[in-house]
Amino acid sequence: MSADPNCIFCKIVAGQIPSNKAYEDDEILAFHDINPWAPVHILLIPKLHVVSMADVGPEHAGVLGRMMVLAPQLMRALGVTGGFRQVINTGADGGQEVMHLHLHTFGGPRPWKRG
């Protein structure tokens, strides 16, 4: 599995930086955001280092599909019943701050109010 030794999310995957995990399997890690924008705010990441959606190829279809299926399951498990929002920021102009593909999933009362 490819990793970037300078990537904070790769370090989280490797266990070098602690996280509050919501889910983990061989390909995906989901953890609670340390600066949440909503009562429930998790990040789902592929364990494989992919910089952004601009770098996705056909070989990533399986893991991305699984992330999209997993997100609503995690929201239900975390008690989110009134809806949620999913966001993938891509590149600096798209608001991406960590250059490792990640899916924000927000749940709770109007999490999108902040932006």
PDB file of N, CA and C in Angstrom:
ATOM      1  N   MET A   1       0.850  -1.181   0.000  1.00  0.00           N
ATOM      2  CA  MET A   1       0.000   0.000   0.000  1.00  0.00           C
ATOM      3  C   MET A   1       0.893   1.242   0.000  1.00  0.00           C
ATOM      4  N   SER A   2       0.607   2.161  -0.891  1.00  0.00           N
ATOM      5  CA  SER A   2       1.410   3.376  -1.032  1.00  0.00           C
ATOM      6  C   SER A   2       1.071   4.377   0.068  1.00  0.00           C
ATOM      7  N   ALA A   3       2.107   5.009   0.606  1.00  0.00           N
ATOM      8  CA  ALA A   3       1.926   6.032   1.645  1.00  0.00           C
ATOM      9  C   ALA A   3       2.930   7.146   1.407  1.00  0.00           C
ATOM     10  N   ASP A   4       2.585   8.345   1.877  1.00  0.00           N
ATOM     11  CA  ASP A   4       3.482   9.491   1.823  1.00  0.00           C
ATOM     12  C   ASP A   4       3.980   9.731   3.253  1.00  0.00           C
ATOM     13  N   PRO A   5       5.286   9.615   3.500  1.00  0.00           N
ATOM     14  CA  PRO A   5       5.792   9.754   4.868  1.00  0.00           C
ATOM     15  C   PRO A   5       5.579  11.143   5.480  1.00  0.00           C
ATOM     16  N   ASN A   6       5.247  12.132   4.663  1.00  0.00           N
ATOM     17  CA  ASN A   6       5.006  13.485   5.162  1.00  0.00           C
ATOM     18  C   ASN A   6       3.521  13.814   5.325  1.00  0.00           C
ATOM     19  N   CYS A   7       2.651  12.877   4.984  1.00  0.00           N
ATOM     20  CA  CYS A   7       1.201  13.106   5.004  1.00  0.00           C
ATOM     21  C   CYS A   7       0.636  12.774   6.386  1.00  0.00           C
ATOM     22  N   ILE A   8      -0.077  13.726   6.985  1.00  0.00           N
ATOM     23  CA  ILE A   8      -0.651  13.512   8.317  1.00  0.00           C
ATOM     24  C   ILE A   8      -1.655  12.364   8.313  1.00  0.00           C
ATOM     25  N   PHE A   9      -2.435  12.221   7.244  1.00  0.00           N
ATOM     26  CA  PHE A   9      -3.411  11.129   7.203  1.00  0.00           C
ATOM     27  C   PHE A   9      -2.721   9.780   7.035  1.00  0.00           C
ATOM     28  N   CYS A  10      -1.634   9.718   6.275  1.00  0.00           N
ATOM     29  CA  CYS A  10      -0.864   8.476   6.175  1.00  0.00           C
ATOM     30  C   CYS A  10      -0.272   8.115   7.532  1.00  0.00           C
ATOM     31  N   LYS A  11       0.128   9.124   8.299  1.00  0.00           N
ATOM     32  CA  LYS A  11       0.651   8.873   9.648  1.00  0.00           C
ATOM     33  C   LYS A  11      -0.450   8.357  10.575  1.00  0.00           C
ATOM     34  N   ILE A  12      -1.671   8.847  10.404  1.00  0.00           N
ATOM     35  CA  ILE A  12      -2.804   8.344  11.180  1.00  0.00           C
ATOM     36  C   ILE A  12      -3.069   6.888  10.804  1.00  0.00           C
ATOM     37  N   VAL A  13      -3.072   6.588   9.500  1.00  0.00           N
ATOM     38  CA  VAL A  13      -3.268   5.205   9.038  1.00  0.00           C
ATOM     39  C   VAL A  13      -2.211   4.286   9.641  1.00  0.00           C
ATOM     40  N   ALA A  14      -0.962   4.747   9.687  1.00  0.00           N
ATOM     41  CA  ALA A  14       0.144   3.939  10.199  1.00  0.00           C
ATOM     42  C   ALA A  14       0.155   3.826  11.725  1.00  0.00           C
ATOM     43  N   GLY A  15      -0.718   4.586  12.403  1.00  0.00           N
ATOM     44  CA  GLY A  15      -0.760   4.555  13.856  1.00  0.00           C
ATOM     45  C   GLY A  15       0.287   5.440  14.522  1.00  0.00           C
ATOM     46  N   GLN A  16       0.949   6.283  13.732  1.00  0.00           N
ATOM     47  CA  GLN A  16       1.966   7.190  14.284  1.00  0.00           C
ATOM     48  C   GLN A  16       1.338   8.401  14.967  1.00  0.00           C
ATOM     49  N   ILE A  17       0.117   8.726  14.564  1.00  0.00           N
ATOM     50  CA  ILE A  17      -0.655   9.819  15.164  1.00  0.00           C
ATOM     51  C   ILE A  17      -1.994   9.217  15.594  1.00  0.00           C
ATOM     52  N   PRO A  18      -2.409   9.433  16.838  1.00  0.00           N
ATOM     53  CA  PRO A  18      -3.676   8.847  17.293  1.00  0.00           C
ATOM     54  C   PRO A  18      -4.882   9.511  16.642  1.00  0.00           C
ATOM     55  N   SER A  19      -5.963   8.744  16.562  1.00  0.00           N
ATOM     56  CA  SER A  19      -7.233   9.277  16.068  1.00  0.00           C
ATOM     57  C   SER A  19      -8.361   8.582  16.806  1.00  0.00           C
ATOM     58  N   ASN A  20      -9.515   9.213  16.776  1.00  0.00           N
ATOM     59  CA  ASN A  20     -10.723   8.623  17.345  1.00  0.00           C
ATOM     60  C   ASN A  20     -11.435   7.904  16.207  1.00  0.00           C
ATOM     61  N   LYS A  21     -11.122   6.631  16.050  1.00  0.00           N
ATOM     62  CA  LYS A  21     -11.616   5.855  14.910  1.00  0.00           C
ATOM     63  C   LYS A  21     -13.109   5.568  15.031  1.00  0.00           C
ATOM     64  N   ALA A  22     -13.786   5.697  13.889  1.00  0.00           N
ATOM     65  CA  ALA A  22     -15.188   5.313  13.787  1.00  0.00           C
ATOM     66  C   ALA A  22     -15.319   3.992  13.038  1.00  0.00           C
ATOM     67  N   TYR A  23     -14.311   3.663  12.212  1.00  0.00           N
ATOM     68  CA  TYR A  23     -14.345   2.442  11.396  1.00  0.00           C
ATOM     69  C   TYR A  23     -12.960   2.224  10.796  1.00  0.00           C
ATOM     70  N   GLU A  24     -12.626   0.943  10.619  1.00  0.00           N
ATOM     71  CA  GLU A  24     -11.386   0.624   9.923  1.00  0.00           C
ATOM     72  C   GLU A  24     -11.491  -0.764   9.316  1.00  0.00           C
ATOM     73  N   ASP A  25     -10.994  -0.892   8.082  1.00  0.00           N
ATOM     74  CA  ASP A  25     -10.817  -2.188   7.446  1.00  0.00           C
ATOM     75  C   ASP A  25      -9.509  -2.141   6.666  1.00  0.00           C
ATOM     76  N   ASP A  26      -9.285  -3.062   5.767  1.00  0.00           N
ATOM     77  CA  ASP A  26      -8.020  -3.126   5.036  1.00  0.00           C
ATOM     78  C   ASP A  26      -7.789  -1.935   4.104  1.00  0.00           C
ATOM     79  N   GLU A  27      -8.864  -1.298   3.629  1.00  0.00           N
ATOM     80  CA  GLU A  27      -8.740  -0.233   2.631  1.00  0.00           C
ATOM     81  C   GLU A  27      -9.173   1.151   3.104  1.00  0.00           C
ATOM     82  N   ILE A  28      -9.987   1.213   4.144  1.00  0.00           N
ATOM     83  CA  ILE A  28     -10.625   2.472   4.546  1.00  0.00           C
ATOM     84  C   ILE A  28     -10.429   2.707   6.041  1.00  0.00           C
ATOM     85  N   LEU A  29     -10.199   3.968   6.380  1.00  0.00           N
ATOM     86  CA  LEU A  29     -10.196   4.398   7.778  1.00  0.00           C
ATOM     87  C   LEU A  29     -11.175   5.560   7.889  1.00  0.00           C
ATOM     88  N   ALA A  30     -12.029   5.504   8.895  1.00  0.00           N
ATOM     89  CA  ALA A  30     -12.936   6.614   9.201  1.00  0.00           C
ATOM     90  C   ALA A  30     -12.661   7.045  10.635  1.00  0.00           C
ATOM     91  N   PHE A  31     -12.529   8.364  10.823  1.00  0.00           N
ATOM     92  CA  PHE A  31     -12.240   8.883  12.158  1.00  0.00           C
ATOM     93  C   PHE A  31     -12.924  10.221  12.349  1.00  0.00           C
ATOM     94  N   HIS A  32     -13.121  10.574  13.607  1.00  0.00           N
ATOM     95  CA  HIS A  32     -13.786  11.827  13.948  1.00  0.00           C
ATOM     96  C   HIS A  32     -12.833  12.998  13.713  1.00  0.00           C
ATOM     97  N   ASP A  33     -13.349  14.054  13.096  1.00  0.00           N
ATOM     98  CA  ASP A  33     -12.561  15.252  12.818  1.00  0.00           C
ATOM     99  C   ASP A  33     -12.180  15.925  14.137  1.00  0.00           C
ATOM    100  N   ILE A  34     -10.931  16.386  14.234  1.00  0.00           N
ATOM    101  CA  ILE A  34     -10.489  17.040  15.479  1.00  0.00           C
ATOM    102  C   ILE A  34     -11.015  18.468  15.606  1.00  0.00           C
ATOM    103  N   ASN A  35     -11.547  19.019  14.511  1.00  0.00           N
ATOM    104  CA  ASN A  35     -12.132  20.358  14.534  1.00  0.00           C
ATOM    105  C   ASN A  35     -13.513  20.274  13.871  1.00  0.00           C
ATOM    106  N   PRO A  36     -14.475  19.627  14.531  1.00  0.00           N
ATOM    107  CA  PRO A  36     -15.758  19.339  13.880  1.00  0.00           C
ATOM    108  C   PRO A  36     -16.583  20.580  13.562  1.00  0.00           C
ATOM    109  N   TRP A  37     -17.271  20.477  12.424  1.00  0.00           N
ATOM    110  CA  TRP A  37     -18.186  21.530  11.995  1.00  0.00           C
ATOM    111  C   TRP A  37     -19.634  21.206  12.334  1.00  0.00           C
ATOM    112  N   ALA A  38     -19.860  20.032  12.894  1.00  0.00           N
ATOM    113  CA  ALA A  38     -21.209  19.581  13.211  1.00  0.00           C
ATOM    114  C   ALA A  38     -21.129  18.647  14.414  1.00  0.00           C
ATOM    115  N   PRO A  39     -22.262  18.339  15.026  1.00  0.00           N
ATOM    116  CA  PRO A  39     -22.244  17.423  16.158  1.00  0.00           C
ATOM    117  C   PRO A  39     -21.569  16.081  15.838  1.00  0.00           C
ATOM    118  N   VAL A  40     -21.752  15.582  14.625  1.00  0.00           N
ATOM    119  CA  VAL A  40     -21.034  14.398  14.152  1.00  0.00           C
ATOM    120  C   VAL A  40     -20.303  14.807  12.884  1.00  0.00           C
ATOM    121  N   HIS A  41     -18.990  14.651  12.870  1.00  0.00           N
ATOM    122  CA  HIS A  41     -18.172  15.020  11.711  1.00  0.00           C
ATOM    123  C   HIS A  41     -17.057  13.991  11.606  1.00  0.00           C
ATOM    124  N   ILE A  42     -17.197  13.102  10.624  1.00  0.00           N
ATOM    125  CA  ILE A  42     -16.170  12.093  10.419  1.00  0.00           C
ATOM    126  C   ILE A  42     -15.510  12.282   9.058  1.00  0.00           C
ATOM    127  N   LEU A  43     -14.286  11.810   8.980  1.00  0.00           N
ATOM    128  CA  LEU A  43     -13.533  11.790   7.727  1.00  0.00           C
ATOM    129  C   LEU A  43     -13.360  10.338   7.330  1.00  0.00           C
ATOM    130  N   LEU A  44     -13.649  10.039   6.081  1.00  0.00           N
ATOM    131  CA  LEU A  44     -13.388   8.714   5.537  1.00  0.00           C
ATOM    132  C   LEU A  44     -12.258   8.873   4.540  1.00  0.00           C
ATOM    133  N   ILE A  45     -11.223   8.044   4.692  1.00  0.00           N
ATOM    134  CA  ILE A  45     -10.071   8.141   3.801  1.00  0.00           C
ATOM    135  C   ILE A  45      -9.705   6.759   3.273  1.00  0.00           C
ATOM    136  N   PRO A  46      -9.206   6.714   2.043  1.00  0.00           N
ATOM    137  CA  PRO A  46      -8.600   5.460   1.611  1.00  0.00           C
ATOM    138  C   PRO A  46      -7.245   5.338   2.309  1.00  0.00           C
ATOM    139  N   LYS A  47      -6.890   4.139   2.706  1.00  0.00           N
ATOM    140  CA  LYS A  47      -5.581   3.951   3.335  1.00  0.00           C
ATOM    141  C   LYS A  47      -4.458   4.162   2.324  1.00  0.00           C
ATOM    142  N   LEU A  48      -4.722   3.876   1.088  1.00  0.00           N
ATOM    143  CA  LEU A  48      -3.785   4.151   0.010  1.00  0.00           C
ATOM    144  C   LEU A  48      -3.679   5.663  -0.157  1.00  0.00           C
ATOM    145  N   HIS A  49      -2.474   6.188  -0.266  1.00  0.00           N
ATOM    146  CA  HIS A  49      -2.319   7.633  -0.424  1.00  0.00           C
ATOM    147  C   HIS A  49      -2.717   8.049  -1.839  1.00  0.00           C
ATOM    148  N   VAL A  50      -3.828   8.753  -1.932  1.00  0.00           N
ATOM    149  CA  VAL A  50      -4.301   9.390  -3.160  1.00  0.00           C
ATOM    150  C   VAL A  50      -4.425  10.858  -2.800  1.00  0.00           C
ATOM    151  N   VAL A  51      -3.781  11.732  -3.549  1.00  0.00           N
ATOM    152  CA  VAL A  51      -3.727  13.145  -3.174  1.00  0.00           C
ATOM    153  C   VAL A  51      -5.106  13.793  -3.179  1.00  0.00           C
ATOM    154  N   SER A  52      -5.853  13.647  -4.265  1.00  0.00           N
ATOM    155  CA  SER A  52      -7.157  14.305  -4.366  1.00  0.00           C
ATOM    156  C   SER A  52      -8.005  13.622  -5.426  1.00  0.00           C
ATOM    157  N   MET A  53      -9.230  14.073  -5.586  1.00  0.00           N
ATOM    158  CA  MET A  53     -10.105  13.537  -6.636  1.00  0.00           C
ATOM    159  C   MET A  53      -9.499  13.746  -8.015  1.00  0.00           C
ATOM    160  N   ALA A  54      -8.658  14.755  -8.161  1.00  0.00           N
ATOM    161  CA  ALA A  54      -8.001  15.000  -9.452  1.00  0.00           C
ATOM    162  C   ALA A  54      -7.021  13.883  -9.805  1.00  0.00           C
ATOM    163  N   ASP A  55      -6.646  13.072  -8.837  1.00  0.00           N
ATOM    164  CA  ASP A  55      -5.684  11.980  -9.043  1.00  0.00           C
ATOM    165  C   ASP A  55      -6.346  10.612  -9.102  1.00  0.00           C
ATOM    166  N   VAL A  56      -7.662  10.562  -9.049  1.00  0.00           N
ATOM    167  CA  VAL A  56      -8.392   9.298  -9.042  1.00  0.00           C
ATOM    168  C   VAL A  56      -8.426   8.707 -10.446  1.00  0.00           C
ATOM    169  N   GLY A  57      -8.220   7.396 -10.481  1.00  0.00           N
ATOM    170  CA  GLY A  57      -8.318   6.658 -11.737  1.00  0.00           C
ATOM    171  C   GLY A  57      -9.281   5.494 -11.573  1.00  0.00           C
ATOM    172  N   PRO A  58      -9.495   4.739 -12.644  1.00  0.00           N
ATOM    173  CA  PRO A  58     -10.411   3.589 -12.583  1.00  0.00           C
ATOM    174  C   PRO A  58     -10.049   2.586 -11.488  1.00  0.00           C
ATOM    175  N   GLU A  59      -8.782   2.493 -11.154  1.00  0.00           N
ATOM    176  CA  GLU A  59      -8.340   1.556 -10.117  1.00  0.00           C
ATOM    177  C   GLU A  59      -8.839   1.935  -8.722  1.00  0.00           C
ATOM    178  N   HIS A  60      -9.349   3.151  -8.563  1.00  0.00           N
ATOM    179  CA  HIS A  60      -9.836   3.613  -7.261  1.00  0.00           C
ATOM    180  C   HIS A  60     -11.360   3.490  -7.121  1.00  0.00           C
ATOM    181  N   ALA A  61     -12.027   3.054  -8.171  1.00  0.00           N
ATOM    182  CA  ALA A  61     -13.495   3.003  -8.161  1.00  0.00           C
ATOM    183  C   ALA A  61     -14.039   2.157  -7.017  1.00  0.00           C
ATOM    184  N   GLY A  62     -13.430   1.024  -6.754  1.00  0.00           N
ATOM    185  CA  GLY A  62     -13.933   0.136  -5.707  1.00  0.00           C
ATOM    186  C   GLY A  62     -13.890   0.769  -4.333  1.00  0.00           C
ATOM    187  N   VAL A  63     -12.742   1.327  -3.962  1.00  0.00           N
ATOM    188  CA  VAL A  63     -12.619   1.905  -2.628  1.00  0.00           C
ATOM    189  C   VAL A  63     -13.486   3.155  -2.480  1.00  0.00           C
ATOM    190  N   LEU A  64     -13.589   3.954  -3.525  1.00  0.00           N
ATOM    191  CA  LEU A  64     -14.444   5.152  -3.443  1.00  0.00           C
ATOM    192  C   LEU A  64     -15.911   4.767  -3.330  1.00  0.00           C
ATOM    193  N   GLY A  65     -16.317   3.747  -4.056  1.00  0.00           N
ATOM    194  CA  GLY A  65     -17.695   3.260  -3.945  1.00  0.00           C
ATOM    195  C   GLY A  65     -17.992   2.745  -2.551  1.00  0.00           C
ATOM    196  N   ARG A  66     -17.060   2.025  -1.982  1.00  0.00           N
ATOM    197  CA  ARG A  66     -17.232   1.506  -0.627  1.00  0.00           C
ATOM    198  C   ARG A  66     -17.321   2.643   0.383  1.00  0.00           C
ATOM    199  N   MET A  67     -16.523   3.698   0.188  1.00  0.00           N
ATOM    200  CA  MET A  67     -16.591   4.854   1.090  1.00  0.00           C
ATOM    201  C   MET A  67     -17.987   5.487   1.042  1.00  0.00           C
ATOM    202  N   MET A  68     -18.545   5.607  -0.150  1.00  0.00           N
ATOM    203  CA  MET A  68     -19.866   6.224  -0.290  1.00  0.00           C
ATOM    204  C   MET A  68     -20.965   5.365   0.330  1.00  0.00           C
ATOM    205  N   VAL A  69     -20.816   4.055   0.277  1.00  0.00           N
ATOM    206  CA  VAL A  69     -21.789   3.155   0.894  1.00  0.00           C
ATOM    207  C   VAL A  69     -21.614   3.142   2.415  1.00  0.00           C
ATOM    208  N   LEU A  70     -20.387   3.213   2.875  1.00  0.00           N
ATOM    209  CA  LEU A  70     -20.084   3.165   4.301  1.00  0.00           C
ATOM    210  C   LEU A  70     -20.550   4.417   5.045  1.00  0.00           C
ATOM    211  N   ALA A  71     -20.439   5.578   4.431  1.00  0.00           N
ATOM    212  CA  ALA A  71     -20.764   6.836   5.114  1.00  0.00           C
ATOM    213  C   ALA A  71     -22.164   6.840   5.730  1.00  0.00           C
ATOM    214  N   PRO A  72     -23.231   6.492   5.000  1.00  0.00           N
ATOM    215  CA  PRO A  72     -24.549   6.516   5.645  1.00  0.00           C
ATOM    216  C   PRO A  72     -24.692   5.461   6.736  1.00  0.00           C
ATOM    217  N   GLN A  73     -24.006   4.334   6.594  1.00  0.00           N
ATOM    218  CA  GLN A  73     -24.043   3.315   7.643  1.00  0.00           C
ATOM    219  C   GLN A  73     -23.430   3.856   8.928  1.00  0.00           C
ATOM    220  N   LEU A  74     -22.300   4.566   8.798  1.00  0.00           N
ATOM    221  CA  LEU A  74     -21.653   5.151   9.970  1.00  0.00           C
ATOM    222  C   LEU A  74     -22.516   6.240  10.592  1.00  0.00           C
ATOM    223  N   MET A  75     -23.152   7.057   9.770  1.00  0.00           N
ATOM    224  CA  MET A  75     -24.018   8.112  10.307  1.00  0.00           C
ATOM    225  C   MET A  75     -25.143   7.506  11.131  1.00  0.00           C
ATOM    226  N   ARG A  76     -25.774   6.449  10.597  1.00  0.00           N
ATOM    227  CA  ARG A  76     -26.839   5.780  11.364  1.00  0.00           C
ATOM    228  C   ARG A  76     -26.287   5.222  12.680  1.00  0.00           C
ATOM    229  N   ALA A  77     -25.129   4.576  12.618  1.00  0.00           N
ATOM    230  CA  ALA A  77     -24.520   3.988  13.812  1.00  0.00           C
ATOM    231  C   ALA A  77     -24.162   5.054  14.849  1.00  0.00           C
ATOM    232  N   LEU A  78     -23.871   6.256  14.391  1.00  0.00           N
ATOM    233  CA  LEU A  78     -23.504   7.359  15.288  1.00  0.00           C
ATOM    234  C   LEU A  78     -24.719   8.191  15.721  1.00  0.00           C
ATOM    235  N   GLY A  79     -25.922   7.730  15.360  1.00  0.00           N
ATOM    236  CA  GLY A  79     -27.146   8.364  15.827  1.00  0.00           C
ATOM    237  C   GLY A  79     -27.678   9.487  14.967  1.00  0.00           C
ATOM    238  N   VAL A  80     -27.137   9.669  13.773  1.00  0.00           N
ATOM    239  CA  VAL A  80     -27.609  10.728  12.882  1.00  0.00           C
ATOM    240  C   VAL A  80     -28.817  10.198  12.113  1.00  0.00           C
ATOM    241  N   THR A  81     -29.985  10.800  12.357  1.00  0.00           N
ATOM    242  CA  THR A  81     -31.217  10.318  11.726  1.00  0.00           C
ATOM    243  C   THR A  81     -31.918  11.393  10.890  1.00  0.00           C
ATOM    244  N   GLY A  82     -31.530  12.659  11.053  1.00  0.00           N
ATOM    245  CA  GLY A  82     -32.223  13.745  10.362  1.00  0.00           C
ATOM    246  C   GLY A  82     -31.527  14.217   9.098  1.00  0.00           C
ATOM    247  N   GLY A  83     -30.566  13.465   8.606  1.00  0.00           N
ATOM    248  CA  GLY A  83     -29.849  13.839   7.389  1.00  0.00           C
ATOM    249  C   GLY A  83     -28.404  14.186   7.661  1.00  0.00           C
ATOM    250  N   PHE A  84     -27.642  14.197   6.595  1.00  0.00           N
ATOM    251  CA  PHE A  84     -26.214  14.500   6.695  1.00  0.00           C
ATOM    252  C   PHE A  84     -25.736  15.071   5.372  1.00  0.00           C
ATOM    253  N   ARG A  85     -24.520  15.574   5.393  1.00  0.00           N
ATOM    254  CA  ARG A  85     -23.916  16.179   4.208  1.00  0.00           C
ATOM    255  C   ARG A  85     -22.559  15.536   3.982  1.00  0.00           C
ATOM    256  N   GLN A  86     -22.191  15.363   2.708  1.00  0.00           N
ATOM    257  CA  GLN A  86     -20.888  14.817   2.348  1.00  0.00           C
ATOM    258  C   GLN A  86     -20.174  15.813   1.447  1.00  0.00           C
ATOM    259  N   VAL A  87     -18.868  16.020   1.709  1.00  0.00           N
ATOM    260  CA  VAL A  87     -18.084  16.984   0.938  1.00  0.00           C
ATOM    261  C   VAL A  87     -16.699  16.402   0.682  1.00  0.00           C
ATOM    262  N   ILE A  88     -16.241  16.530  -0.550  1.00  0.00           N
ATOM    263  CA  ILE A  88     -14.856  16.224  -0.891  1.00  0.00           C
ATOM    264  C   ILE A  88     -14.270  17.480  -1.522  1.00  0.00           C
ATOM    265  N   ASN A  89     -13.363  18.133  -0.814  1.00  0.00           N
ATOM    266  CA  ASN A  89     -12.668  19.295  -1.356  1.00  0.00           C
ATOM    267  C   ASN A  89     -11.510  18.780  -2.212  1.00  0.00           C
ATOM    268  N   THR A  90     -11.286  19.414  -3.359  1.00  0.00           N
ATOM    269  CA  THR A  90     -10.257  18.942  -4.288  1.00  0.00           C
ATOM    270  C   THR A  90      -9.317  20.071  -4.661  1.00  0.00           C
ATOM    271  N   GLY A  91      -8.051  19.932  -4.265  1.00  0.00           N
ATOM    272  CA  GLY A  91      -7.031  20.921  -4.584  1.00  0.00           C
ATOM    273  C   GLY A  91      -7.151  22.178  -3.754  1.00  0.00           C
ATOM    274  N   ALA A  92      -6.115  22.981  -3.817  1.00  0.00           N
ATOM    275  CA  ALA A  92      -6.066  24.212  -3.021  1.00  0.00           C
ATOM    276  C   ALA A  92      -7.234  25.141  -3.344  1.00  0.00           C
ATOM    277  N   ASP A  93      -7.555  25.311  -4.620  1.00  0.00           N
ATOM    278  CA  ASP A  93      -8.661  26.188  -4.995  1.00  0.00           C
ATOM    279  C   ASP A  93     -10.017  25.617  -4.600  1.00  0.00           C
ATOM    280  N   GLY A  94     -10.075  24.307  -4.360  1.00  0.00           N
ATOM    281  CA  GLY A  94     -11.305  23.663  -3.926  1.00  0.00           C
ATOM    282  C   GLY A  94     -11.434  23.579  -2.414  1.00  0.00           C
ATOM    283  N   GLY A  95     -10.480  24.169  -1.690  1.00  0.00           N
ATOM    284  CA  GLY A  95     -10.547  24.202  -0.243  1.00  0.00           C
ATOM    285  C   GLY A  95      -9.899  23.016   0.458  1.00  0.00           C
ATOM    286  N   GLN A  96      -9.179  22.175  -0.290  1.00  0.00           N
ATOM    287  CA  GLN A  96      -8.525  21.031   0.334  1.00  0.00           C
ATOM    288  C   GLN A  96      -7.331  21.498   1.153  1.00  0.00           C
ATOM    289  N   GLU A  97      -7.291  21.108   2.427  1.00  0.00           N
ATOM    290  CA  GLU A  97      -6.215  21.515   3.319  1.00  0.00           C
ATOM    291  C   GLU A  97      -5.204  20.405   3.555  1.00  0.00           C
ATOM    292  N   VAL A  98      -5.651  19.158   3.596  1.00  0.00           N
ATOM    293  CA  VAL A  98      -4.761  18.009   3.733  1.00  0.00           C
ATOM    294  C   VAL A  98      -4.736  17.298   2.388  1.00  0.00           C
ATOM    295  N   MET A  99      -3.560  17.148   1.832  1.00  0.00           N
ATOM    296  CA  MET A  99      -3.436  16.596   0.484  1.00  0.00           C
ATOM    297  C   MET A  99      -3.410  15.059   0.502  1.00  0.00           C
ATOM    298  N   HIS A 100      -4.508  14.520   1.008  1.00  0.00           N
ATOM    299  CA  HIS A 100      -4.818  13.096   0.993  1.00  0.00           C
ATOM    300  C   HIS A 100      -6.326  13.059   0.836  1.00  0.00           C
ATOM    301  N   LEU A 101      -6.808  12.419  -0.189  1.00  0.00           N
ATOM    302  CA  LEU A 101      -8.243  12.357  -0.461  1.00  0.00           C
ATOM    303  C   LEU A 101      -9.013  12.005   0.804  1.00  0.00           C
ATOM    304  N   HIS A 102     -10.042  12.797   1.108  1.00  0.00           N
ATOM    305  CA  HIS A 102     -10.880  12.504   2.261  1.00  0.00           C
ATOM    306  C   HIS A 102     -12.301  13.004   2.033  1.00  0.00           C
ATOM    307  N   LEU A 103     -13.238  12.213   2.537  1.00  0.00           N
ATOM    308  CA  LEU A 103     -14.663  12.506   2.438  1.00  0.00           C
ATOM    309  C   LEU A 103     -15.143  12.980   3.804  1.00  0.00           C
ATOM    310  N   HIS A 104     -15.523  14.255   3.882  1.00  0.00           N
ATOM    311  CA  HIS A 104     -16.133  14.780   5.105  1.00  0.00           C
ATOM    312  C   HIS A 104     -17.589  14.326   5.115  1.00  0.00           C
ATOM    313  N   THR A 105     -18.047  13.820   6.249  1.00  0.00           N
ATOM    314  CA  THR A 105     -19.457  13.491   6.413  1.00  0.00           C
ATOM    315  C   THR A 105     -19.919  14.145   7.710  1.00  0.00           C
ATOM    316  N   PHE A 106     -20.873  15.077   7.572  1.00  0.00           N
ATOM    317  CA  PHE A 106     -21.361  15.895   8.684  1.00  0.00           C
ATOM    318  C   PHE A 106     -22.795  15.490   9.004  1.00  0.00           C
ATOM    319  N   GLY A 107     -23.121  15.397  10.267  1.00  0.00           N
ATOM    320  CA  GLY A 107     -24.500  15.122  10.666  1.00  0.00           C
ATOM    321  C   GLY A 107     -24.877  15.987  11.849  1.00  0.00           C
ATOM    322  N   GLY A 108     -26.148  16.262  11.942  1.00  0.00           N
ATOM    323  CA  GLY A 108     -26.652  17.073  13.040  1.00  0.00           C
ATOM    324  C   GLY A 108     -27.321  18.317  12.503  1.00  0.00           C
ATOM    325  N   PRO A 109     -27.768  19.179  13.387  1.00  0.00           N
ATOM    326  CA  PRO A 109     -28.513  20.367  12.964  1.00  0.00           C
ATOM    327  C   PRO A 109     -27.689  21.301  12.087  1.00  0.00           C
ATOM    328  N   ARG A 110     -28.082  21.437  10.861  1.00  0.00           N
ATOM    329  CA  ARG A 110     -27.543  22.387   9.882  1.00  0.00           C
ATOM    330  C   ARG A 110     -26.022  22.533   9.930  1.00  0.00           C
ATOM    331  N   PRO A 111     -25.295  21.431   9.687  1.00  0.00           N
ATOM    332  CA  PRO A 111     -23.835  21.503   9.761  1.00  0.00           C
ATOM    333  C   PRO A 111     -23.203  22.390   8.681  1.00  0.00           C
ATOM    334  N   TRP A 112     -23.922  22.657   7.629  1.00  0.00           N
ATOM    335  CA  TRP A 112     -23.365  23.450   6.528  1.00  0.00           C
ATOM    336  C   TRP A 112     -23.358  24.942   6.798  1.00  0.00           C
ATOM    337  N   LYS A 113     -23.880  25.404   7.924  1.00  0.00           N
ATOM    338  CA  LYS A 113     -23.938  26.822   8.248  1.00  0.00           C
ATOM    339  C   LYS A 113     -22.581  27.502   8.208  1.00  0.00           C
ATOM    340  N   ARG A 114     -21.482  26.780   8.526  1.00  0.00           N
ATOM    341  CA  ARG A 114     -20.163  27.375   8.570  1.00  0.00           C
ATOM    342  C   ARG A 114     -19.544  27.538   7.198  1.00  0.00           C
ATOM    343  N   GLY A 115     -20.072  26.956   6.186  1.00  0.00           N
ATOM    344  CA  GLY A 115     -19.468  27.106   4.872  1.00  0.00           C
ATOM    345  C   GLY A 115     -19.639  25.908   4.087  1.00  0.00           C
TER     346      GLY A 115
END
